[in-house]
Amino acid sequence: MWFFIFTKTRAMAKKIAIIGGGNLGTAIAEGLLKSKFSKPLEITITKRNVATLKSFEQRHVKVTDNNSEAVKQSEVIILAIKPFQVNDVLNGIKKELGNNKMLISVVTGVTLNDIKGIIGEKTSLFRAMPNTAIAIQQSMTCICSDKVSSAETKYVHDLFNHLGRVVTIDEKLMEAATILAACGTAYAMRYIRANIQGGIEIGFDAATASIIAAQTVKGATELLLQNGSHPEQEIDKVTTPKGCTIAGLNEMEHQGFSSSLIKGIITSYKKIAKD
């Protein structure tokens, strides 16, 4: 399967409505503001309890509890709600959707066909799976689409590329992307936490161990992203014969480090596939 990574460019400004001002919806809004992809007045966020969005309102982002009005006034709609809310929300806004709109769903487990079954075929549809690092422009976002133009594709990729990195995948892999990219944040955090605990045991205070562990992981990932190398290539550079690194790695493998991580990923995937 082919996939593409897009570089950052500034697309033509469009008004964006984020339907759902929860954790992911507000993280997307934060990323759009910090990256300057959108100006505050170009963004509308909706939520039943708009009082929780006061910080955005203070920055001149439009805040409302009226989904239909937000969609009517926008060209791009990002659907960031819970799966069980999709039917009611889409039925509430479908009359405002049309050929001049793009709908981007970041809802887990809801397919493009599910959405088309509610709103019809008239609106360009994308599915995107970002992670919470989108708030600091460091998300890994996987995207798929159906019957969209090259200009629309460029815009959507440009949007999410301003918020991190983007890959195009087949829709059948979207649940797997949820596990690897979204749940993967938690897996990485758990490794860092264990690293911190180990650091404390060998003599560091918690604050220092946290900085060392987090920056080391950041540096390791940048080596892979910037060099395009395989993890084993970078591991070879720090494992000398009879050294402490290989001794530690071998002990981790004896204790099931890699196998437990792989089993965890597969267990998470089976859970999302079942549900």
C-alpha atoms as a PDB file:
ATOM      1  CA  MET A   1       0.000   0.000   0.000  1.00  0.00           C
ATOM      2  CA  TRP A   2       1.226   3.456  -0.894  1.00  0.00           C
ATOM      3  CA  PHE A   3       1.116   6.314   1.553  1.00  0.00           C
ATOM      4  CA  PHE A   4       2.118   9.953   1.297  1.00  0.00           C
ATOM      5  CA  ILE A   5       3.566  12.483   3.701  1.00  0.00           C
ATOM      6  CA  PHE A   6       2.712  16.098   2.888  1.00  0.00           C
ATOM      7  CA  THR A   7       4.817  19.134   3.696  1.00  0.00           C
ATOM      8  CA  LYS A   8       3.389  22.245   5.300  1.00  0.00           C
ATOM      9  CA  THR A   9       1.926  24.905   3.048  1.00  0.00           C
ATOM     10  CA  ARG A  10      -0.708  27.542   3.723  1.00  0.00           C
ATOM     11  CA  ALA A  11      -4.035  26.758   2.065  1.00  0.00           C
ATOM     12  CA  MET A  12      -6.667  29.296   1.107  1.00  0.00           C
ATOM     13  CA  ALA A  13      -8.481  30.397   4.246  1.00  0.00           C
ATOM     14  CA  LYS A  14     -11.846  28.789   4.905  1.00  0.00           C
ATOM     15  CA  LYS A  15     -14.275  29.132   7.775  1.00  0.00           C
ATOM     16  CA  ILE A  16     -14.135  26.064  10.011  1.00  0.00           C
ATOM     17  CA  ALA A  17     -16.839  24.762  12.333  1.00  0.00           C
ATOM     18  CA  ILE A  18     -15.755  22.271  14.983  1.00  0.00           C
ATOM     19  CA  ILE A  19     -18.867  20.398  16.059  1.00  0.00           C
ATOM     20  CA  GLY A  20     -18.065  19.189  19.553  1.00  0.00           C
ATOM     21  CA  GLY A  21     -15.987  21.188  22.013  1.00  0.00           C
ATOM     22  CA  GLY A  22     -14.673  18.251  24.025  1.00  0.00           C
ATOM     23  CA  ASN A  23     -11.048  17.207  24.507  1.00  0.00           C
ATOM     24  CA  LEU A  24     -10.305  16.461  20.849  1.00  0.00           C
ATOM     25  CA  GLY A  25     -12.360  19.301  19.405  1.00  0.00           C
ATOM     26  CA  THR A  26     -10.673  21.898  21.595  1.00  0.00           C
ATOM     27  CA  ALA A  27      -7.254  20.334  20.937  1.00  0.00           C
ATOM     28  CA  ILE A  28      -7.846  20.782  17.198  1.00  0.00           C
ATOM     29  CA  ALA A  29      -8.895  24.385  17.783  1.00  0.00           C
ATOM     30  CA  GLU A  30      -5.755  25.035  19.847  1.00  0.00           C
ATOM     31  CA  GLY A  31      -3.596  23.589  17.092  1.00  0.00           C
ATOM     32  CA  LEU A  32      -5.274  25.688  14.407  1.00  0.00           C
ATOM     33  CA  LEU A  33      -4.746  28.844  16.445  1.00  0.00           C
ATOM     34  CA  LYS A  34      -1.135  28.124  17.445  1.00  0.00           C
ATOM     35  CA  SER A  35      -0.137  27.156  13.898  1.00  0.00           C
ATOM     36  CA  LYS A  36      -1.883  30.262  12.535  1.00  0.00           C
ATOM     37  CA  PHE A  37      -3.548  28.046   9.925  1.00  0.00           C
ATOM     38  CA  SER A  38      -6.791  29.801  10.859  1.00  0.00           C
ATOM     39  CA  LYS A  39      -7.525  33.173  12.377  1.00  0.00           C
ATOM     40  CA  PRO A  40      -9.726  33.151  15.497  1.00  0.00           C
ATOM     41  CA  LEU A  41     -12.726  34.625  13.693  1.00  0.00           C
ATOM     42  CA  GLU A  42     -12.495  31.858  11.060  1.00  0.00           C
ATOM     43  CA  ILE A  43     -13.171  29.183  13.708  1.00  0.00           C
ATOM     44  CA  THR A  44     -16.468  28.289  15.356  1.00  0.00           C
ATOM     45  CA  ILE A  45     -16.718  25.706  18.167  1.00  0.00           C
ATOM     46  CA  THR A  46     -20.010  24.248  19.309  1.00  0.00           C
ATOM     47  CA  LYS A  47     -20.938  22.660  22.617  1.00  0.00           C
ATOM     48  CA  ARG A  48     -24.065  22.390  24.740  1.00  0.00           C
ATOM     49  CA  ASN A  49     -22.273  23.916  27.713  1.00  0.00           C
ATOM     50  CA  VAL A  50     -20.523  26.863  26.076  1.00  0.00           C
ATOM     51  CA  ALA A  51     -19.306  28.138  29.455  1.00  0.00           C
ATOM     52  CA  THR A  52     -16.430  25.621  29.258  1.00  0.00           C
ATOM     53  CA  LEU A  53     -15.244  27.319  26.048  1.00  0.00           C
ATOM     54  CA  LYS A  54     -14.785  30.762  27.619  1.00  0.00           C
ATOM     55  CA  SER A  55     -11.025  30.777  27.018  1.00  0.00           C
ATOM     56  CA  PHE A  56     -11.640  30.444  23.269  1.00  0.00           C
ATOM     57  CA  GLU A  57     -14.280  33.147  23.297  1.00  0.00           C
ATOM     58  CA  GLN A  58     -11.779  35.460  24.994  1.00  0.00           C
ATOM     59  CA  ARG A  59      -9.446  34.871  22.028  1.00  0.00           C
ATOM     60  CA  HIS A  60     -12.247  35.863  19.611  1.00  0.00           C
ATOM     61  CA  VAL A  61     -13.100  32.324  18.486  1.00  0.00           C
ATOM     62  CA  LYS A  62     -16.827  32.020  17.808  1.00  0.00           C
ATOM     63  CA  VAL A  63     -18.571  29.853  20.408  1.00  0.00           C
ATOM     64  CA  THR A  64     -22.155  28.602  20.125  1.00  0.00           C
ATOM     65  CA  ASP A  65     -24.537  25.819  21.128  1.00  0.00           C
ATOM     66  CA  ASN A  66     -26.239  25.993  17.719  1.00  0.00           C
ATOM     67  CA  ASN A  67     -24.756  23.332  15.418  1.00  0.00           C
ATOM     68  CA  SER A  68     -26.934  24.251  12.422  1.00  0.00           C
ATOM     69  CA  GLU A  69     -25.942  27.905  12.519  1.00  0.00           C
ATOM     70  CA  ALA A  70     -22.253  27.005  12.844  1.00  0.00           C
ATOM     71  CA  VAL A  71     -22.453  24.700   9.806  1.00  0.00           C
ATOM     72  CA  LYS A  72     -24.415  27.240   7.792  1.00  0.00           C
ATOM     73  CA  GLN A  73     -21.727  29.881   8.330  1.00  0.00           C
ATOM     74  CA  SER A  74     -18.762  27.553   7.584  1.00  0.00           C
ATOM     75  CA  GLU A  75     -17.195  25.777   4.614  1.00  0.00           C
ATOM     76  CA  VAL A  76     -15.350  23.060   6.542  1.00  0.00           C
ATOM     77  CA  ILE A  77     -17.046  21.062   9.273  1.00  0.00           C
ATOM     78  CA  ILE A  78     -14.987  18.958  11.678  1.00  0.00           C
ATOM     79  CA  LEU A  79     -17.184  16.417  13.442  1.00  0.00           C
ATOM     80  CA  ALA A  80     -15.601  15.797  16.873  1.00  0.00           C
ATOM     81  CA  ILE A  81     -18.339  14.146  18.900  1.00  0.00           C
ATOM     82  CA  LYS A  82     -18.976  10.780  20.570  1.00  0.00           C
ATOM     83  CA  PRO A  83     -20.018   7.886  18.281  1.00  0.00           C
ATOM     84  CA  PHE A  84     -23.439   7.578  19.922  1.00  0.00           C
ATOM     85  CA  GLN A  85     -24.163  11.246  19.115  1.00  0.00           C
ATOM     86  CA  VAL A  86     -23.490  10.965  15.379  1.00  0.00           C
ATOM     87  CA  ASN A  87     -27.004  10.083  14.211  1.00  0.00           C
ATOM     88  CA  ASP A  88     -28.739  12.894  16.095  1.00  0.00           C
ATOM     89  CA  VAL A  89     -26.101  15.521  15.319  1.00  0.00           C
ATOM     90  CA  LEU A  90     -25.900  14.738  11.601  1.00  0.00           C
ATOM     91  CA  ASN A  91     -29.666  14.665  11.237  1.00  0.00           C
ATOM     92  CA  GLY A  92     -29.704  18.062  12.908  1.00  0.00           C
ATOM     93  CA  ILE A  93     -27.262  19.644  10.468  1.00  0.00           C
ATOM     94  CA  LYS A  94     -27.740  17.739   7.197  1.00  0.00           C
ATOM     95  CA  LYS A  95     -30.037  20.346   5.639  1.00  0.00           C
ATOM     96  CA  GLU A  96     -27.197  22.880   6.015  1.00  0.00           C
ATOM     97  CA  LEU A  97     -24.732  20.620   4.183  1.00  0.00           C
ATOM     98  CA  GLY A  98     -24.244  20.851   0.427  1.00  0.00           C
ATOM     99  CA  ASN A  99     -21.843  20.682  -2.497  1.00  0.00           C
ATOM    100  CA  ASN A 100     -19.907  23.676  -1.180  1.00  0.00           C
ATOM    101  CA  LYS A 101     -19.106  22.005   2.178  1.00  0.00           C
ATOM    102  CA  MET A 102     -16.465  19.559   3.368  1.00  0.00           C
ATOM    103  CA  LEU A 103     -17.170  17.283   6.327  1.00  0.00           C
ATOM    104  CA  ILE A 104     -14.205  15.831   8.223  1.00  0.00           C
ATOM    105  CA  SER A 105     -15.127  13.212  10.806  1.00  0.00           C
ATOM    106  CA  VAL A 106     -12.695  12.448  13.638  1.00  0.00           C
ATOM    107  CA  VAL A 107     -15.226  10.103  15.261  1.00  0.00           C
ATOM    108  CA  THR A 108     -13.890   6.651  16.114  1.00  0.00           C
ATOM    109  CA  GLY A 109     -15.636   3.692  14.501  1.00  0.00           C
ATOM    110  CA  VAL A 110     -18.023   5.624  12.255  1.00  0.00           C
ATOM    111  CA  THR A 111     -17.385   4.895   8.563  1.00  0.00           C
ATOM    112  CA  LEU A 112     -17.797   7.111   5.549  1.00  0.00           C
ATOM    113  CA  ASN A 113     -20.709   4.913   4.453  1.00  0.00           C
ATOM    114  CA  ASP A 114     -22.312   5.345   7.875  1.00  0.00           C
ATOM    115  CA  ILE A 115     -22.154   9.114   7.421  1.00  0.00           C
ATOM    116  CA  LYS A 116     -23.401   9.014   3.818  1.00  0.00           C
ATOM    117  CA  GLY A 117     -26.304   6.885   4.970  1.00  0.00           C
ATOM    118  CA  ILE A 118     -27.454   9.823   7.101  1.00  0.00           C
ATOM    119  CA  ILE A 119     -26.547  12.915   5.061  1.00  0.00           C
ATOM    120  CA  GLY A 120     -26.448  11.539   1.516  1.00  0.00           C
ATOM    121  CA  GLU A 121     -23.793  11.971  -1.177  1.00  0.00           C
ATOM    122  CA  LYS A 122     -23.824  15.726  -1.698  1.00  0.00           C
ATOM    123  CA  THR A 123     -21.042  16.687   0.745  1.00  0.00           C
ATOM    124  CA  SER A 124     -17.334  15.861   0.355  1.00  0.00           C
ATOM    125  CA  LEU A 125     -16.340  13.444   3.122  1.00  0.00           C
ATOM    126  CA  PHE A 126     -13.081  12.737   4.928  1.00  0.00           C
ATOM    127  CA  ARG A 127     -12.215  10.644   7.975  1.00  0.00           C
ATOM    128  CA  ALA A 128      -9.235  11.681  10.057  1.00  0.00           C
ATOM    129  CA  MET A 129      -7.660  10.041  13.090  1.00  0.00           C
ATOM    130  CA  PRO A 130      -5.429  12.532  14.937  1.00  0.00           C
ATOM    131  CA  ASN A 131      -4.135  12.222  18.494  1.00  0.00           C
ATOM    132  CA  THR A 132      -4.127  14.614  21.438  1.00  0.00           C
ATOM    133  CA  ALA A 133      -0.714  16.034  20.479  1.00  0.00           C
ATOM    134  CA  ILE A 134      -2.643  17.974  17.833  1.00  0.00           C
ATOM    135  CA  ALA A 135      -2.984  20.743  20.441  1.00  0.00           C
ATOM    136  CA  ILE A 136       0.778  21.367  20.211  1.00  0.00           C
ATOM    137  CA  GLN A 137       1.037  20.722  16.444  1.00  0.00           C
ATOM    138  CA  GLN A 138       2.647  17.306  16.923  1.00  0.00           C
ATOM    139  CA  SER A 139      -0.180  14.951  15.983  1.00  0.00           C
ATOM    140  CA  MET A 140       0.129  11.878  13.814  1.00  0.00           C
ATOM    141  CA  THR A 141      -3.023  12.087  11.701  1.00  0.00           C
ATOM    142  CA  CYS A 142      -4.217   9.301   9.395  1.00  0.00           C
ATOM    143  CA  ILE A 143      -6.708  10.307   6.685  1.00  0.00           C
ATOM    144  CA  CYS A 144      -9.020   8.576   4.211  1.00  0.00           C
ATOM    145  CA  SER A 145     -11.721   9.955   1.921  1.00  0.00           C
ATOM    146  CA  ASP A 146     -14.306   9.092  -0.705  1.00  0.00           C
ATOM    147  CA  LYS A 147     -15.030  10.845  -3.999  1.00  0.00           C
ATOM    148  CA  VAL A 148     -13.281  14.119  -3.218  1.00  0.00           C
ATOM    149  CA  SER A 149     -11.396  16.494  -5.497  1.00  0.00           C
ATOM    150  CA  SER A 150      -7.638  16.967  -5.547  1.00  0.00           C
ATOM    151  CA  ALA A 151      -8.112  20.542  -4.309  1.00  0.00           C
ATOM    152  CA  GLU A 152     -10.187  19.338  -1.357  1.00  0.00           C
ATOM    153  CA  THR A 153      -7.638  16.655  -0.567  1.00  0.00           C
ATOM    154  CA  LYS A 154      -4.840  19.211  -0.645  1.00  0.00           C
ATOM    155  CA  TYR A 155      -6.738  21.504   1.721  1.00  0.00           C
ATOM    156  CA  VAL A 156      -7.482  18.783   4.284  1.00  0.00           C
ATOM    157  CA  HIS A 157      -3.928  17.468   4.220  1.00  0.00           C
ATOM    158  CA  ASP A 158      -2.590  20.997   4.534  1.00  0.00           C
ATOM    159  CA  LEU A 159      -4.841  21.607   7.539  1.00  0.00           C
ATOM    160  CA  PHE A 160      -3.679  18.537   9.442  1.00  0.00           C
ATOM    161  CA  ASN A 161      -0.091  18.907   8.248  1.00  0.00           C
ATOM    162  CA  HIS A 162      -0.012  22.222  10.114  1.00  0.00           C
ATOM    163  CA  LEU A 163      -0.922  20.211  13.202  1.00  0.00           C
ATOM    164  CA  GLY A 164       1.749  17.510  12.904  1.00  0.00           C
ATOM    165  CA  ARG A 165       2.333  14.810  10.304  1.00  0.00           C
ATOM    166  CA  VAL A 166      -0.133  13.241   7.893  1.00  0.00           C
ATOM    167  CA  VAL A 167      -0.416   9.895   6.117  1.00  0.00           C
ATOM    168  CA  THR A 168      -3.094   8.682   3.721  1.00  0.00           C
ATOM    169  CA  ILE A 169      -4.455   5.203   4.456  1.00  0.00           C
ATOM    170  CA  ASP A 170      -7.242   2.907   3.276  1.00  0.00           C
ATOM    171  CA  GLU A 171     -10.385   3.228   5.362  1.00  0.00           C
ATOM    172  CA  LYS A 172     -10.147  -0.441   6.352  1.00  0.00           C
ATOM    173  CA  LEU A 173      -7.030   0.514   8.349  1.00  0.00           C
ATOM    174  CA  MET A 174      -8.654   3.386  10.256  1.00  0.00           C
ATOM    175  CA  GLU A 175      -9.339   1.303  13.380  1.00  0.00           C
ATOM    176  CA  ALA A 176      -5.737   0.070  13.303  1.00  0.00           C
ATOM    177  CA  ALA A 177      -4.621   3.705  12.979  1.00  0.00           C
ATOM    178  CA  THR A 178      -6.634   4.520  16.084  1.00  0.00           C
ATOM    179  CA  ILE A 179      -4.642   1.949  18.030  1.00  0.00           C
ATOM    180  CA  LEU A 180      -1.196   2.811  16.662  1.00  0.00           C
ATOM    181  CA  ALA A 181      -1.493   6.616  16.555  1.00  0.00           C
ATOM    182  CA  ALA A 182      -4.083   7.558  19.182  1.00  0.00           C
ATOM    183  CA  CYS A 183      -3.783   4.778  21.770  1.00  0.00           C
ATOM    184  CA  GLY A 184      -0.077   4.800  20.964  1.00  0.00           C
ATOM    185  CA  THR A 185       0.258   8.060  22.880  1.00  0.00           C
ATOM    186  CA  ALA A 186      -0.748   6.223  26.064  1.00  0.00           C
ATOM    187  CA  TYR A 187       1.623   3.345  25.308  1.00  0.00           C
ATOM    188  CA  ALA A 188       4.505   5.790  24.883  1.00  0.00           C
ATOM    189  CA  MET A 189       3.569   7.588  28.103  1.00  0.00           C
ATOM    190  CA  ARG A 190       3.582   4.302  29.992  1.00  0.00           C
ATOM    191  CA  TYR A 191       7.105   3.539  28.698  1.00  0.00           C
ATOM    192  CA  ILE A 192       8.275   7.002  29.760  1.00  0.00           C
ATOM    193  CA  ARG A 193       6.712   6.535  33.184  1.00  0.00           C
ATOM    194  CA  ALA A 194       8.556   3.234  33.639  1.00  0.00           C
ATOM    195  CA  ASN A 195      11.763   4.916  32.491  1.00  0.00           C
ATOM    196  CA  ILE A 196      11.265   7.624  35.124  1.00  0.00           C
ATOM    197  CA  GLN A 197      10.674   5.025  37.820  1.00  0.00           C
ATOM    198  CA  GLY A 198      13.845   3.229  36.823  1.00  0.00           C
ATOM    199  CA  GLY A 199      15.722   6.532  36.846  1.00  0.00           C
ATOM    200  CA  ILE A 200      14.586   7.232  40.397  1.00  0.00           C
ATOM    201  CA  GLU A 201      15.715   3.783  41.489  1.00  0.00           C
ATOM    202  CA  ILE A 202      19.226   4.404  40.167  1.00  0.00           C
ATOM    203  CA  GLY A 203      19.554   7.771  41.879  1.00  0.00           C
ATOM    204  CA  PHE A 204      17.747  10.648  40.143  1.00  0.00           C
ATOM    205  CA  ASP A 205      15.033  12.746  41.718  1.00  0.00           C
ATOM    206  CA  ALA A 206      11.639  12.512  40.016  1.00  0.00           C
ATOM    207  CA  ALA A 207      11.761  15.908  38.284  1.00  0.00           C
ATOM    208  CA  THR A 208      15.208  15.309  36.779  1.00  0.00           C
ATOM    209  CA  ALA A 209      14.339  11.764  35.742  1.00  0.00           C
ATOM    210  CA  SER A 210      11.197  13.085  34.003  1.00  0.00           C
ATOM    211  CA  ILE A 211      13.144  15.621  31.946  1.00  0.00           C
ATOM    212  CA  ILE A 212      15.820  13.103  30.967  1.00  0.00           C
ATOM    213  CA  ALA A 213      13.305  10.403  30.022  1.00  0.00           C
ATOM    214  CA  ALA A 214      11.035  12.693  27.991  1.00  0.00           C
ATOM    215  CA  GLN A 215      13.833  14.457  26.098  1.00  0.00           C
ATOM    216  CA  THR A 216      15.577  11.157  25.357  1.00  0.00           C
ATOM    217  CA  VAL A 217      12.408   9.746  23.817  1.00  0.00           C
ATOM    218  CA  LYS A 218      11.902  12.962  21.844  1.00  0.00           C
ATOM    219  CA  GLY A 219      15.463  12.755  20.523  1.00  0.00           C
ATOM    220  CA  ALA A 220      15.056   9.083  19.605  1.00  0.00           C
ATOM    221  CA  THR A 221      11.906   9.739  17.595  1.00  0.00           C
ATOM    222  CA  GLU A 222      13.496  12.698  15.801  1.00  0.00           C
ATOM    223  CA  LEU A 223      16.382  10.453  14.726  1.00  0.00           C
ATOM    224  CA  LEU A 224      13.880   8.142  13.033  1.00  0.00           C
ATOM    225  CA  LEU A 225      11.797  10.929  11.484  1.00  0.00           C
ATOM    226  CA  GLN A 226      14.682  13.063  10.260  1.00  0.00           C
ATOM    227  CA  ASN A 227      17.008  10.263   9.153  1.00  0.00           C
ATOM    228  CA  GLY A 228      14.304   7.947   7.833  1.00  0.00           C
ATOM    229  CA  SER A 229      16.145   5.132   9.567  1.00  0.00           C
ATOM    230  CA  HIS A 230      14.942   1.870  11.110  1.00  0.00           C
ATOM    231  CA  PRO A 231      14.996   1.625  14.931  1.00  0.00           C
ATOM    232  CA  GLU A 232      17.545  -1.205  14.810  1.00  0.00           C
ATOM    233  CA  GLN A 233      19.971   1.020  12.911  1.00  0.00           C
ATOM    234  CA  GLU A 234      19.869   3.576  15.709  1.00  0.00           C
ATOM    235  CA  ILE A 235      20.047   0.848  18.370  1.00  0.00           C
ATOM    236  CA  ASP A 236      23.231  -0.526  16.765  1.00  0.00           C
ATOM    237  CA  LYS A 237      24.895   2.877  17.214  1.00  0.00           C
ATOM    238  CA  VAL A 238      24.590   2.711  21.014  1.00  0.00           C
ATOM    239  CA  THR A 239      25.145  -1.011  21.639  1.00  0.00           C
ATOM    240  CA  THR A 240      28.824  -1.883  22.029  1.00  0.00           C
ATOM    241  CA  PRO A 241      30.163  -5.424  22.596  1.00  0.00           C
ATOM    242  CA  LYS A 242      29.763  -6.469  26.245  1.00  0.00           C
ATOM    243  CA  GLY A 243      28.281  -3.032  26.968  1.00  0.00           C
ATOM    244  CA  CYS A 244      25.583  -1.917  29.387  1.00  0.00           C
ATOM    245  CA  THR A 245      23.046  -1.097  26.640  1.00  0.00           C
ATOM    246  CA  ILE A 246      22.917  -4.581  25.143  1.00  0.00           C
ATOM    247  CA  ALA A 247      22.822  -6.111  28.620  1.00  0.00           C
ATOM    248  CA  GLY A 248      19.794  -4.001  29.489  1.00  0.00           C
ATOM    249  CA  LEU A 249      18.060  -4.647  26.162  1.00  0.00           C
ATOM    250  CA  ASN A 250      18.545  -8.401  26.451  1.00  0.00           C
ATOM    251  CA  GLU A 251      17.124  -8.413  29.984  1.00  0.00           C
ATOM    252  CA  MET A 252      14.079  -6.432  28.815  1.00  0.00           C
ATOM    253  CA  GLU A 253      13.492  -8.936  26.018  1.00  0.00           C
ATOM    254  CA  HIS A 254      13.891 -11.857  28.424  1.00  0.00           C
ATOM    255  CA  GLN A 255      11.161 -10.237  30.536  1.00  0.00           C
ATOM    256  CA  GLY A 256       8.872  -9.928  27.503  1.00  0.00           C
ATOM    257  CA  PHE A 257       9.228  -6.227  26.694  1.00  0.00           C
ATOM    258  CA  SER A 258       8.550  -6.379  22.936  1.00  0.00           C
ATOM    259  CA  SER A 259       6.080  -9.255  23.088  1.00  0.00           C
ATOM    260  CA  SER A 260       4.003  -7.593  25.823  1.00  0.00           C
ATOM    261  CA  LEU A 261       3.813  -4.366  23.826  1.00  0.00           C
ATOM    262  CA  ILE A 262       2.773  -6.200  20.664  1.00  0.00           C
ATOM    263  CA  LYS A 263       0.182  -8.194  22.603  1.00  0.00           C
ATOM    264  CA  GLY A 264      -1.171  -4.970  24.088  1.00  0.00           C
ATOM    265  CA  ILE A 265      -1.570  -3.404  20.641  1.00  0.00           C
ATOM    266  CA  ILE A 266      -3.341  -6.503  19.316  1.00  0.00           C
ATOM    267  CA  THR A 267      -5.620  -6.637  22.391  1.00  0.00           C
ATOM    268  CA  SER A 268      -6.592  -2.993  21.903  1.00  0.00           C
ATOM    269  CA  TYR A 269      -7.282  -3.651  18.214  1.00  0.00           C
ATOM    270  CA  LYS A 270      -9.471  -6.672  18.977  1.00  0.00           C
ATOM    271  CA  LYS A 271     -11.427  -4.511  21.420  1.00  0.00           C
ATOM    272  CA  ILE A 272     -12.103  -1.724  18.923  1.00  0.00           C
ATOM    273  CA  ALA A 273     -12.855  -4.220  16.120  1.00  0.00           C
ATOM    274  CA  LYS A 274     -15.346  -6.051  18.353  1.00  0.00           C
ATOM    275  CA  ASP A 275     -17.112  -2.912  19.514  1.00  0.00           C
END
